[in-house]
Structure formats: C-alpha cells, structure tokens
PDB file of N, CA and C in Angstrom:
ATOM      1  N   UNK A   1      87.041 125.255  98.355  1.00  0.00           N
ATOM      2  CA  UNK A   1      88.180 125.408  98.047  1.00  0.00           C
ATOM      3  C   UNK A   1      89.061 124.428  98.425  1.00  0.00           C
ATOM      4  N   UNK A   2      90.297 124.273  97.843  1.00  0.00           N
ATOM      5  CA  UNK A   2      91.298 123.191  98.128  1.00  0.00           C
ATOM      6  C   UNK A   2      91.963 123.371  99.442  1.00  0.00           C
ATOM      7  N   UNK A   3      91.873 122.556 100.397  1.00  0.00           N
ATOM      8  CA  UNK A   3      92.711 122.610 101.597  1.00  0.00           C
ATOM      9  C   UNK A   3      94.157 122.912 101.208  1.00  0.00           C
ATOM     10  N   UNK A   4      94.740 124.135 101.985  1.00  0.00           N
ATOM     11  CA  UNK A   4      96.040 124.520 101.838  1.00  0.00           C
ATOM     12  C   UNK A   4      96.973 123.424 102.580  1.00  0.00           C
ATOM     13  N   UNK A   5      97.984 122.682 101.973  1.00  0.00           N
ATOM     14  CA  UNK A   5      98.486 121.635 102.564  1.00  0.00           C
ATOM     15  C   UNK A   5      99.932 122.068 102.932  1.00  0.00           C
ATOM     16  N   UNK A   6     100.427 123.129 102.456  1.00  0.00           N
ATOM     17  CA  UNK A   6     101.925 123.572 102.678  1.00  0.00           C
ATOM     18  C   UNK A   6     102.863 122.710 101.790  1.00  0.00           C
ATOM     19  N   UNK A   7     102.270 122.014 101.068  1.00  0.00           N
ATOM     20  CA  UNK A   7     103.079 121.100  99.910  1.00  0.00           C
ATOM     21  C   UNK A   7     103.186 122.108  98.686  1.00  0.00           C
ATOM     22  N   UNK A   8     104.354 122.034  97.951  1.00  0.00           N
ATOM     23  CA  UNK A   8     104.449 122.595  96.730  1.00  0.00           C
ATOM     24  C   UNK A   8     104.922 121.572  95.609  1.00  0.00           C
ATOM     25  N   UNK A   9     104.030 121.321  94.743  1.00  0.00           N
ATOM     26  CA  UNK A   9     104.140 120.411  93.657  1.00  0.00           C
ATOM     27  C   UNK A   9     104.780 120.825  92.437  1.00  0.00           C
ATOM     28  N   UNK A  10     105.157 122.257  92.629  1.00  0.00           N
ATOM     29  CA  UNK A  10     105.591 123.142  91.387  1.00  0.00           C
ATOM     30  C   UNK A  10     104.586 124.370  91.152  1.00  0.00           C
ATOM     31  N   UNK A  11     105.384 125.427  90.849  1.00  0.00           N
ATOM     32  CA  UNK A  11     104.787 126.541  90.457  1.00  0.00           C
ATOM     33  C   UNK A  11     103.689 127.140  91.522  1.00  0.00           C
ATOM     34  N   UNK A  12     104.102 126.745  92.878  1.00  0.00           N
ATOM     35  CA  UNK A  12     103.154 127.241  93.975  1.00  0.00           C
ATOM     36  C   UNK A  12     101.984 126.450  94.119  1.00  0.00           C
ATOM     37  N   UNK A  13     101.806 125.420  93.288  1.00  0.00           N
ATOM     38  CA  UNK A  13     100.461 124.543  93.307  1.00  0.00           C
ATOM     39  C   UNK A  13     100.563 123.419  94.360  1.00  0.00           C
ATOM     40  N   UNK A  14      99.490 123.136  95.123  1.00  0.00           N
ATOM     41  CA  UNK A  14      99.394 122.256  96.153  1.00  0.00           C
ATOM     42  C   UNK A  14      99.142 120.775  95.669  1.00  0.00           C
ATOM     43  N   UNK A  15      98.143 120.647  94.721  1.00  0.00           N
ATOM     44  CA  UNK A  15      97.641 119.248  94.189  1.00  0.00           C
ATOM     45  C   UNK A  15      97.455 119.394  92.711  1.00  0.00           C
ATOM     46  N   UNK A  16      97.518 118.177  92.224  1.00  0.00           N
ATOM     47  CA  UNK A  16      97.175 117.829  90.811  1.00  0.00           C
ATOM     48  C   UNK A  16      95.788 117.457  90.447  1.00  0.00           C
ATOM     49  N   UNK A  17      95.014 117.818  89.535  1.00  0.00           N
ATOM     50  CA  UNK A  17      93.749 117.479  89.286  1.00  0.00           C
ATOM     51  C   UNK A  17      93.853 116.014  88.591  1.00  0.00           C
ATOM     52  N   UNK A  18      93.284 114.913  89.202  1.00  0.00           N
ATOM     53  CA  UNK A  18      93.347 113.643  88.597  1.00  0.00           C
ATOM     54  C   UNK A  18      92.094 113.343  87.801  1.00  0.00           C
ATOM     55  N   UNK A  19      91.059 113.992  88.211  1.00  0.00           N
ATOM     56  CA  UNK A  19      89.632 113.445  87.584  1.00  0.00           C
ATOM     57  C   UNK A  19      88.556 114.647  87.951  1.00  0.00           C
ATOM     58  N   UNK A  20      87.719 114.819  86.844  1.00  0.00           N
ATOM     59  CA  UNK A  20      86.753 115.769  86.976  1.00  0.00           C
ATOM     60  C   UNK A  20      85.580 115.255  86.108  1.00  0.00           C
ATOM     61  N   UNK A  21      84.346 115.315  86.758  1.00  0.00           N
ATOM     62  CA  UNK A  21      83.169 114.990  85.933  1.00  0.00           C
ATOM     63  C   UNK A  21      81.869 115.980  86.281  1.00  0.00           C
ATOM     64  N   UNK A  22      80.963 115.669  85.967  1.00  0.00           N
ATOM     65  CA  UNK A  22      79.577 116.583  86.490  1.00  0.00           C
ATOM     66  C   UNK A  22      79.617 116.939  87.688  1.00  0.00           C
ATOM     67  N   UNK A  23      79.932 115.881  88.636  1.00  0.00           N
ATOM     68  CA  UNK A  23      79.714 116.021  89.899  1.00  0.00           C
ATOM     69  C   UNK A  23      80.802 115.830  90.974  1.00  0.00           C
ATOM     70  N   UNK A  24      81.869 115.590  90.500  1.00  0.00           N
ATOM     71  CA  UNK A  24      83.020 114.960  91.292  1.00  0.00           C
ATOM     72  C   UNK A  24      84.339 115.613  90.721  1.00  0.00           C
ATOM     73  N   UNK A  25      85.233 115.807  91.782  1.00  0.00           N
ATOM     74  CA  UNK A  25      86.764 116.219  91.506  1.00  0.00           C
ATOM     75  C   UNK A  25      87.553 115.326  92.311  1.00  0.00           C
ATOM     76  N   UNK A  26      88.797 114.741  91.800  1.00  0.00           N
ATOM     77  CA  UNK A  26      89.764 114.142  92.671  1.00  0.00           C
ATOM     78  C   UNK A  26      91.036 114.905  92.426  1.00  0.00           C
ATOM     79  N   UNK A  27      91.579 115.206  93.579  1.00  0.00           N
ATOM     80  CA  UNK A  27      92.923 116.095  93.668  1.00  0.00           C
ATOM     81  C   UNK A  27      93.990 115.381  94.374  1.00  0.00           C
ATOM     82  N   UNK A  28      95.291 115.326  94.101  1.00  0.00           N
ATOM     83  CA  UNK A  28      96.177 114.550  94.714  1.00  0.00           C
ATOM     84  C   UNK A  28      97.495 115.657  94.936  1.00  0.00           C
ATOM     85  N   UNK A  29      97.882 115.422  96.104  1.00  0.00           N
ATOM     86  CA  UNK A  29      99.167 116.341  96.619  1.00  0.00           C
ATOM     87  C   UNK A  29     100.489 115.909  96.155  1.00  0.00           C
ATOM     88  N   UNK A  30     100.517 115.344  95.123  1.00  0.00           N
ATOM     89  CA  UNK A  30     101.990 115.000  94.428  1.00  0.00           C
ATOM     90  C   UNK A  30     101.661 115.381  93.028  1.00  0.00           C
ATOM     91  N   UNK A  31     102.801 115.036  92.181  1.00  0.00           N
ATOM     92  CA  UNK A  31     102.651 115.206  90.776  1.00  0.00           C
ATOM     93  C   UNK A  31     102.299 113.745  90.180  1.00  0.00           C
ATOM     94  N   UNK A  32     102.252 112.775  90.821  1.00  0.00           N
ATOM     95  CA  UNK A  32     102.091 111.547  90.153  1.00  0.00           C
ATOM     96  C   UNK A  32     100.580 111.337  89.742  1.00  0.00           C
ATOM     97  N   UNK A  33     100.249 110.904  88.495  1.00  0.00           N
ATOM     98  CA  UNK A  33      98.979 110.492  88.103  1.00  0.00           C
ATOM     99  C   UNK A  33      98.304 109.191  88.502  1.00  0.00           C
ATOM    100  N   UNK A  34      98.314 108.901  89.942  1.00  0.00           N
ATOM    101  CA  UNK A  34      97.824 107.730  90.552  1.00  0.00           C
ATOM    102  C   UNK A  34      97.425 107.977  92.021  1.00  0.00           C
ATOM    103  N   UNK A  35      96.801 107.171  92.715  1.00  0.00           N
ATOM    104  CA  UNK A  35      96.522 107.206  94.165  1.00  0.00           C
ATOM    105  C   UNK A  35      97.338 106.234  94.905  1.00  0.00           C
ATOM    106  N   UNK A  36      98.407 105.833  94.408  1.00  0.00           N
ATOM    107  CA  UNK A  36      99.188 104.719  94.986  1.00  0.00           C
ATOM    108  C   UNK A  36      99.775 105.382  96.334  1.00  0.00           C
ATOM    109  N   UNK A  37     100.538 106.656  96.233  1.00  0.00           N
ATOM    110  CA  UNK A  37     101.174 107.057  97.508  1.00  0.00           C
ATOM    111  C   UNK A  37     100.802 108.690  97.527  1.00  0.00           C
ATOM    112  N   UNK A  38     100.666 109.291  98.655  1.00  0.00           N
ATOM    113  CA  UNK A  38     100.276 110.597  98.849  1.00  0.00           C
ATOM    114  C   UNK A  38      98.956 110.749  99.187  1.00  0.00           C
ATOM    115  N   UNK A  39      98.571 111.872  99.666  1.00  0.00           N
ATOM    116  CA  UNK A  39      97.344 112.427  99.997  1.00  0.00           C
ATOM    117  C   UNK A  39      96.413 112.604  98.699  1.00  0.00           C
ATOM    118  N   UNK A  40      95.121 111.988  98.608  1.00  0.00           N
ATOM    119  CA  UNK A  40      94.334 112.207  97.617  1.00  0.00           C
ATOM    120  C   UNK A  40      92.934 112.539  98.295  1.00  0.00           C
ATOM    121  N   UNK A  41      92.376 113.603  97.596  1.00  0.00           N
ATOM    122  CA  UNK A  41      91.092 114.067  97.966  1.00  0.00           C
ATOM    123  C   UNK A  41      89.882 113.851  96.912  1.00  0.00           C
ATOM    124  N   UNK A  42      88.921 113.101  97.293  1.00  0.00           N
ATOM    125  CA  UNK A  42      87.676 112.918  96.386  1.00  0.00           C
ATOM    126  C   UNK A  42      86.467 113.773  96.918  1.00  0.00           C
ATOM    127  N   UNK A  43      86.077 114.628  96.119  1.00  0.00           N
ATOM    128  CA  UNK A  43      84.827 115.551  96.493  1.00  0.00           C
ATOM    129  C   UNK A  43      83.831 115.246  95.491  1.00  0.00           C
ATOM    130  N   UNK A  44      82.609 114.875  96.008  1.00  0.00           N
ATOM    131  CA  UNK A  44      81.452 114.497  95.246  1.00  0.00           C
ATOM    132  C   UNK A  44      80.339 115.500  95.669  1.00  0.00           C
ATOM    133  N   UNK A  45      79.380 115.818  94.696  1.00  0.00           N
ATOM    134  CA  UNK A  45      78.454 116.856  95.097  1.00  0.00           C
ATOM    135  C   UNK A  45      78.664 118.226  94.790  1.00  0.00           C
ATOM    136  N   UNK A  46      79.574 118.366  93.702  1.00  0.00           N
ATOM    137  CA  UNK A  46      79.965 119.708  93.548  1.00  0.00           C
ATOM    138  C   UNK A  46      79.904 120.071  91.993  1.00  0.00           C
ATOM    139  N   UNK A  47      79.823 121.236  91.857  1.00  0.00           N
ATOM    140  CA  UNK A  47      79.844 121.824  90.304  1.00  0.00           C
ATOM    141  C   UNK A  47      81.347 122.379  90.047  1.00  0.00           C
ATOM    142  N   UNK A  48      82.081 121.791  89.431  1.00  0.00           N
ATOM    143  CA  UNK A  48      83.430 122.127  89.143  1.00  0.00           C
ATOM    144  C   UNK A  48      83.583 123.442  88.449  1.00  0.00           C
ATOM    145  N   UNK A  49      84.416 124.308  88.873  1.00  0.00           N
ATOM    146  CA  UNK A  49      84.651 125.550  88.092  1.00  0.00           C
ATOM    147  C   UNK A  49      84.898 125.233  86.651  1.00  0.00           C
ATOM    148  N   UNK A  50      84.004 125.750  85.668  1.00  0.00           N
ATOM    149  CA  UNK A  50      83.987 125.469  84.276  1.00  0.00           C
ATOM    150  C   UNK A  50      85.534 125.492  83.674  1.00  0.00           C
ATOM    151  N   UNK A  51      86.246 126.673  83.879  1.00  0.00           N
ATOM    152  CA  UNK A  51      87.335 126.691  83.284  1.00  0.00           C
ATOM    153  C   UNK A  51      88.508 125.580  83.846  1.00  0.00           C
ATOM    154  N   UNK A  52      88.248 125.173  85.039  1.00  0.00           N
ATOM    155  CA  UNK A  52      89.173 124.024  85.568  1.00  0.00           C
ATOM    156  C   UNK A  52      88.754 122.753  84.827  1.00  0.00           C
ATOM    157  N   UNK A  53      87.386 122.409  84.720  1.00  0.00           N
ATOM    158  CA  UNK A  53      86.857 121.302  84.058  1.00  0.00           C
ATOM    159  C   UNK A  53      87.379 121.309  82.679  1.00  0.00           C
ATOM    160  N   UNK A  54      87.335 122.421  82.026  1.00  0.00           N
ATOM    161  CA  UNK A  54      87.704 122.566  80.419  1.00  0.00           C
ATOM    162  C   UNK A  54      89.300 122.232  80.443  1.00  0.00           C
ATOM    163  N   UNK A  55      90.088 122.912  81.187  1.00  0.00           N
ATOM    164  CA  UNK A  55      91.388 122.467  81.404  1.00  0.00           C
ATOM    165  C   UNK A  55      91.798 121.117  81.535  1.00  0.00           C
ATOM    166  N   UNK A  56      90.890 120.404  82.461  1.00  0.00           N
ATOM    167  CA  UNK A  56      91.155 118.985  82.773  1.00  0.00           C
ATOM    168  C   UNK A  56      90.792 118.119  81.520  1.00  0.00           C
ATOM    169  N   UNK A  57      89.712 118.378  81.075  1.00  0.00           N
ATOM    170  CA  UNK A  57      89.283 117.451  79.792  1.00  0.00           C
ATOM    171  C   UNK A  57      90.372 117.782  78.602  1.00  0.00           C
ATOM    172  N   UNK A  58      90.736 118.969  78.402  1.00  0.00           N
ATOM    173  CA  UNK A  58      91.749 119.268  77.486  1.00  0.00           C
ATOM    174  C   UNK A  58      93.103 118.220  77.635  1.00  0.00           C
ATOM    175  N   UNK A  59      93.622 118.386  78.925  1.00  0.00           N
ATOM    176  CA  UNK A  59      94.787 117.646  79.320  1.00  0.00           C
ATOM    177  C   UNK A  59      94.395 116.177  79.219  1.00  0.00           C
ATOM    178  N   UNK A  60      93.433 115.667  79.611  1.00  0.00           N
ATOM    179  CA  UNK A  60      92.849 114.368  79.657  1.00  0.00           C
ATOM    180  C   UNK A  60      92.926 113.751  78.198  1.00  0.00           C
ATOM    181  N   UNK A  61      92.209 114.654  77.163  1.00  0.00           N
ATOM    182  CA  UNK A  61      92.294 114.333  75.961  1.00  0.00           C
ATOM    183  C   UNK A  61      93.568 114.146  75.211  1.00  0.00           C
ATOM    184  N   UNK A  62      94.570 115.181  75.614  1.00  0.00           N
ATOM    185  CA  UNK A  62      95.924 115.275  75.013  1.00  0.00           C
ATOM    186  C   UNK A  62      96.938 114.192  75.677  1.00  0.00           C
ATOM    187  N   UNK A  63      96.400 113.191  76.380  1.00  0.00           N
ATOM    188  CA  UNK A  63      97.235 111.894  77.064  1.00  0.00           C
ATOM    189  C   UNK A  63      97.664 112.188  78.400  1.00  0.00           C
ATOM    190  N   UNK A  64      97.024 113.087  79.241  1.00  0.00           N
ATOM    191  CA  UNK A  64      97.294 113.299  80.664  1.00  0.00           C
ATOM    192  C   UNK A  64      98.931 113.430  80.851  1.00  0.00           C
ATOM    193  N   UNK A  65      99.398 113.997  79.860  1.00  0.00           N
ATOM    194  CA  UNK A  65     100.819 114.422  80.063  1.00  0.00           C
ATOM    195  C   UNK A  65     101.124 115.595  81.079  1.00  0.00           C
ATOM    196  N   UNK A  66     100.135 116.591  80.980  1.00  0.00           N
ATOM    197  CA  UNK A  66     100.223 117.843  81.580  1.00  0.00           C
ATOM    198  C   UNK A  66      98.936 118.251  82.209  1.00  0.00           C
ATOM    199  N   UNK A  67      98.503 117.187  83.479  1.00  0.00           N
ATOM    200  CA  UNK A  67      97.116 117.595  84.080  1.00  0.00           C
ATOM    201  C   UNK A  67      97.376 119.120  84.893  1.00  0.00           C
ATOM    202  N   UNK A  68      96.156 119.611  84.855  1.00  0.00           N
ATOM    203  CA  UNK A  68      96.119 120.938  85.650  1.00  0.00           C
ATOM    204  C   UNK A  68      96.556 120.710  87.070  1.00  0.00           C
ATOM    205  N   UNK A  69      97.073 121.612  87.730  1.00  0.00           N
ATOM    206  CA  UNK A  69      97.356 121.965  89.194  1.00  0.00           C
ATOM    207  C   UNK A  69      96.673 122.943  89.761  1.00  0.00           C
ATOM    208  N   UNK A  70      96.344 122.884  91.281  1.00  0.00           N
ATOM    209  CA  UNK A  70      95.560 123.709  91.944  1.00  0.00           C
ATOM    210  C   UNK A  70      96.277 124.391  93.163  1.00  0.00           C
ATOM    211  N   UNK A  71      96.095 125.367  93.534  1.00  0.00           N
ATOM    212  CA  UNK A  71      96.640 126.125  94.673  1.00  0.00           C
ATOM    213  C   UNK A  71      95.809 125.835  95.893  1.00  0.00           C
ATOM    214  N   UNK A  72      96.302 125.658  96.987  1.00  0.00           N
ATOM    215  CA  UNK A  72      95.506 125.684  98.397  1.00  0.00           C
ATOM    216  C   UNK A  72      94.915 126.934  98.496  1.00  0.00           C
ATOM    217  N   UNK A  73      93.852 126.701  99.161  1.00  0.00           N
ATOM    218  CA  UNK A  73      92.666 127.822  99.324  1.00  0.00           C
ATOM    219  C   UNK A  73      92.290 128.623  98.158  1.00  0.00           C
ATOM    220  N   UNK A  74      92.464 127.938  97.030  1.00  0.00           N
ATOM    221  CA  UNK A  74      91.849 128.284  95.670  1.00  0.00           C
ATOM    222  C   UNK A  74      90.561 127.619  95.461  1.00  0.00           C
ATOM    223  N   UNK A  75      89.384 128.288  94.976  1.00  0.00           N
ATOM    224  CA  UNK A  75      88.254 127.499  95.038  1.00  0.00           C
ATOM    225  C   UNK A  75      88.290 126.722  93.821  1.00  0.00           C
ATOM    226  N   UNK A  76      87.676 125.464  93.829  1.00  0.00           N
ATOM    227  CA  UNK A  76      87.632 124.598  92.620  1.00  0.00           C
ATOM    228  C   UNK A  76      86.093 124.370  92.096  1.00  0.00           C
ATOM    229  N   UNK A  77      85.311 124.886  92.889  1.00  0.00           N
ATOM    230  CA  UNK A  77      83.794 124.651  92.498  1.00  0.00           C
ATOM    231  C   UNK A  77      82.907 125.145  93.561  1.00  0.00           C
ATOM    232  N   UNK A  78      81.462 124.826  93.517  1.00  0.00           N
ATOM    233  CA  UNK A  78      80.620 125.113  94.389  1.00  0.00           C
ATOM    234  C   UNK A  78      79.736 123.751  94.678  1.00  0.00           C
ATOM    235  N   UNK A  79      79.070 124.076  95.950  1.00  0.00           N
ATOM    236  CA  UNK A  79      78.229 122.800  96.192  1.00  0.00           C
ATOM    237  C   UNK A  79      76.901 122.711  95.451  1.00  0.00           C
ATOM    238  N   UNK A  80      76.476 121.481  94.866  1.00  0.00           N
ATOM    239  CA  UNK A  80      75.383 121.407  93.894  1.00  0.00           C
ATOM    240  C   UNK A  80      74.192 121.344  94.869  1.00  0.00           C
ATOM    241  N   UNK A  81      74.289 121.163  95.939  1.00  0.00           N
ATOM    242  CA  UNK A  81      73.068 120.927  97.004  1.00  0.00           C
ATOM    243  C   UNK A  81      73.510 121.182  98.280  1.00  0.00           C
ATOM    244  N   UNK A  82      72.647 120.568  99.275  1.00  0.00           N
ATOM    245  CA  UNK A  82      72.777 120.861 100.593  1.00  0.00           C
ATOM    246  C   UNK A  82      73.898 119.865 101.232  1.00  0.00           C
ATOM    247  N   UNK A  83      74.406 119.014 100.447  1.00  0.00           N
ATOM    248  CA  UNK A  83      75.534 117.952 100.891  1.00  0.00           C
ATOM    249  C   UNK A  83      76.588 117.942 100.075  1.00  0.00           C
ATOM    250  N   UNK A  84      77.877 117.868 100.461  1.00  0.00           N
ATOM    251  CA  UNK A  84      78.886 117.589  99.722  1.00  0.00           C
ATOM    252  C   UNK A  84      79.752 116.448 100.431  1.00  0.00           C
ATOM    253  N   UNK A  85      80.020 115.440  99.708  1.00  0.00           N
ATOM    254  CA  UNK A  85      80.678 114.212 100.294  1.00  0.00           C
ATOM    255  C   UNK A  85      82.276 114.310 100.046  1.00  0.00           C
ATOM    256  N   UNK A  86      83.075 114.096 100.943  1.00  0.00           N
ATOM    257  CA  UNK A  86      84.653 114.204 100.910  1.00  0.00           C
ATOM    258  C   UNK A  86      85.232 113.003 101.455  1.00  0.00           C
ATOM    259  N   UNK A  87      86.027 112.386 100.602  1.00  0.00           N
ATOM    260  CA  UNK A  87      86.913 111.146 101.097  1.00  0.00           C
ATOM    261  C   UNK A  87      88.300 111.438 100.852  1.00  0.00           C
ATOM    262  N   UNK A  88      89.255 111.038 101.813  1.00  0.00           N
ATOM    263  CA  UNK A  88      90.524 111.345 101.754  1.00  0.00           C
ATOM    264  C   UNK A  88      91.289 110.045 101.763  1.00  0.00           C
ATOM    265  N   UNK A  89      92.340 109.930 100.979  1.00  0.00           N
ATOM    266  CA  UNK A  89      93.075 108.547 100.986  1.00  0.00           C
ATOM    267  C   UNK A  89      94.697 109.145 101.102  1.00  0.00           C
ATOM    268  N   UNK A  90      95.232 108.001 101.830  1.00  0.00           N
ATOM    269  CA  UNK A  90      96.728 108.201 101.921  1.00  0.00           C
ATOM    270  C   UNK A  90      97.252 106.717 101.643  1.00  0.00           C
ATOM    271  N   UNK A  91      97.991 106.692 100.691  1.00  0.00           N
ATOM    272  CA  UNK A  91      98.752 105.490 100.215  1.00  0.00           C
ATOM    273  C   UNK A  91      97.590 104.377  99.713  1.00  0.00           C
ATOM    274  N   UNK A  92      96.567 104.810  99.340  1.00  0.00           N
ATOM    275  CA  UNK A  92      95.519 104.082  98.626  1.00  0.00           C
ATOM    276  C   UNK A  92      94.351 103.821  99.850  1.00  0.00           C
ATOM    277  N   UNK A  93      94.638 104.107 101.148  1.00  0.00           N
ATOM    278  CA  UNK A  93      93.635 103.830 101.959  1.00  0.00           C
ATOM    279  C   UNK A  93      92.905 105.066 102.404  1.00  0.00           C
ATOM    280  N   UNK A  94      91.408 104.920 102.719  1.00  0.00           N
ATOM    281  CA  UNK A  94      90.656 105.856 102.914  1.00  0.00           C
ATOM    282  C   UNK A  94      91.026 106.113 104.474  1.00  0.00           C
ATOM    283  N   UNK A  95      90.916 107.635 104.739  1.00  0.00           N
ATOM    284  CA  UNK A  95      90.972 108.213 105.991  1.00  0.00           C
ATOM    285  C   UNK A  95      89.918 109.039 106.509  1.00  0.00           C
ATOM    286  N   UNK A  96      89.460 109.207 107.868  1.00  0.00           N
ATOM    287  CA  UNK A  96      88.760 109.881 108.343  1.00  0.00           C
ATOM    288  C   UNK A  96      88.898 111.316 108.444  1.00  0.00           C
ATOM    289  N   UNK A  97      88.221 112.047 107.606  1.00  0.00           N
ATOM    290  CA  UNK A  97      88.512 113.629 107.448  1.00  0.00           C
ATOM    291  C   UNK A  97      88.559 114.324 108.842  1.00  0.00           C
ATOM    292  N   UNK A  98      87.705 113.833 109.831  1.00  0.00           N
ATOM    293  CA  UNK A  98      87.501 114.354 111.033  1.00  0.00           C
ATOM    294  C   UNK A  98      88.800 114.402 112.017  1.00  0.00           C
ATOM    295  N   UNK A  99      89.631 113.252 111.685  1.00  0.00           N
ATOM    296  CA  UNK A  99      90.793 113.279 112.640  1.00  0.00           C
ATOM    297  C   UNK A  99      92.032 113.822 111.823  1.00  0.00           C
ATOM    298  N   UNK A 100      92.250 114.958 112.264  1.00  0.00           N
ATOM    299  CA  UNK A 100      93.252 115.778 111.476  1.00  0.00           C
ATOM    300  C   UNK A 100      94.657 115.800 112.291  1.00  0.00           C
ATOM    301  N   UNK A 101      94.756 115.300 113.459  1.00  0.00           N
ATOM    302  CA  UNK A 101      96.033 115.367 114.286  1.00  0.00           C
ATOM    303  C   UNK A 101      97.282 114.946 113.715  1.00  0.00           C
ATOM    304  N   UNK A 102      96.962 113.660 112.954  1.00  0.00           N
ATOM    305  CA  UNK A 102      98.263 112.811 112.505  1.00  0.00           C
ATOM    306  C   UNK A 102      98.375 113.177 111.042  1.00  0.00           C
ATOM    307  N   UNK A 103      97.687 113.870 110.263  1.00  0.00           N
ATOM    308  CA  UNK A 103      98.002 113.949 108.815  1.00  0.00           C
ATOM    309  C   UNK A 103      97.748 115.322 108.042  1.00  0.00           C
ATOM    310  N   UNK A 104      97.214 116.185 108.848  1.00  0.00           N
ATOM    311  CA  UNK A 104      96.871 117.652 108.234  1.00  0.00           C
ATOM    312  C   UNK A 104      97.471 118.558 109.167  1.00  0.00           C
ATOM    313  N   UNK A 105      98.136 119.561 108.402  1.00  0.00           N
ATOM    314  CA  UNK A 105      98.663 120.647 109.189  1.00  0.00           C
ATOM    315  C   UNK A 105      97.657 121.458 109.752  1.00  0.00           C
TER     316      UNK A 105
END
C-alpha cells in the first residue's frame, strides 16, 4: 500500500501515479508530472492492481492530462515474488528509506 503522507494533492489523494508497467509503479506526492521536486516513490517487483494499471494506461494514452491519483494506506498491488525494491527521491535525489526522521511523518 502507499505510505500515508498526510499530504492532500486533491480529493483526499496523497500521490499521483506517474508510471506503471508489468513490474513497476512510480508515485509522486505532488500534482506535477515530473520528479523535479517533491517526494517520488519507485516500487519494483510488484504486480500493480489491474484497475489502477488500466486507469494509468488510459490516462497516459489520452495525453497525461489527468493522471490517476492514489490515497495513502490504499493498496496499489502485490509482491510478485520474495523481494520488492523501493527507491525514494526528493527533488531528484535518491534517499535511504531506512532513515525516516528527517523526511517522513
């Protein structure tokens, strides 16, 4: 599930879905369609919820004007195997997800 951030990017949603494929999802805690500023989470090794993937693909095909958004603590998929890889970025820099004190509520 998506970590609950306490942010509201509109409609009670925490993050925008920037990318989805067979094994990965990228979510951003702002409404911008980029990773330039704000927290971005990359998750690899998952099977994304089929309805979320279909919504993303439809939005992407329509020009990315209205990408899907996701709520905190809402599941976005399930692990495909024994390992899931997570990377977190802030203003384009990758961060260590084990160090929560400075950037995660």
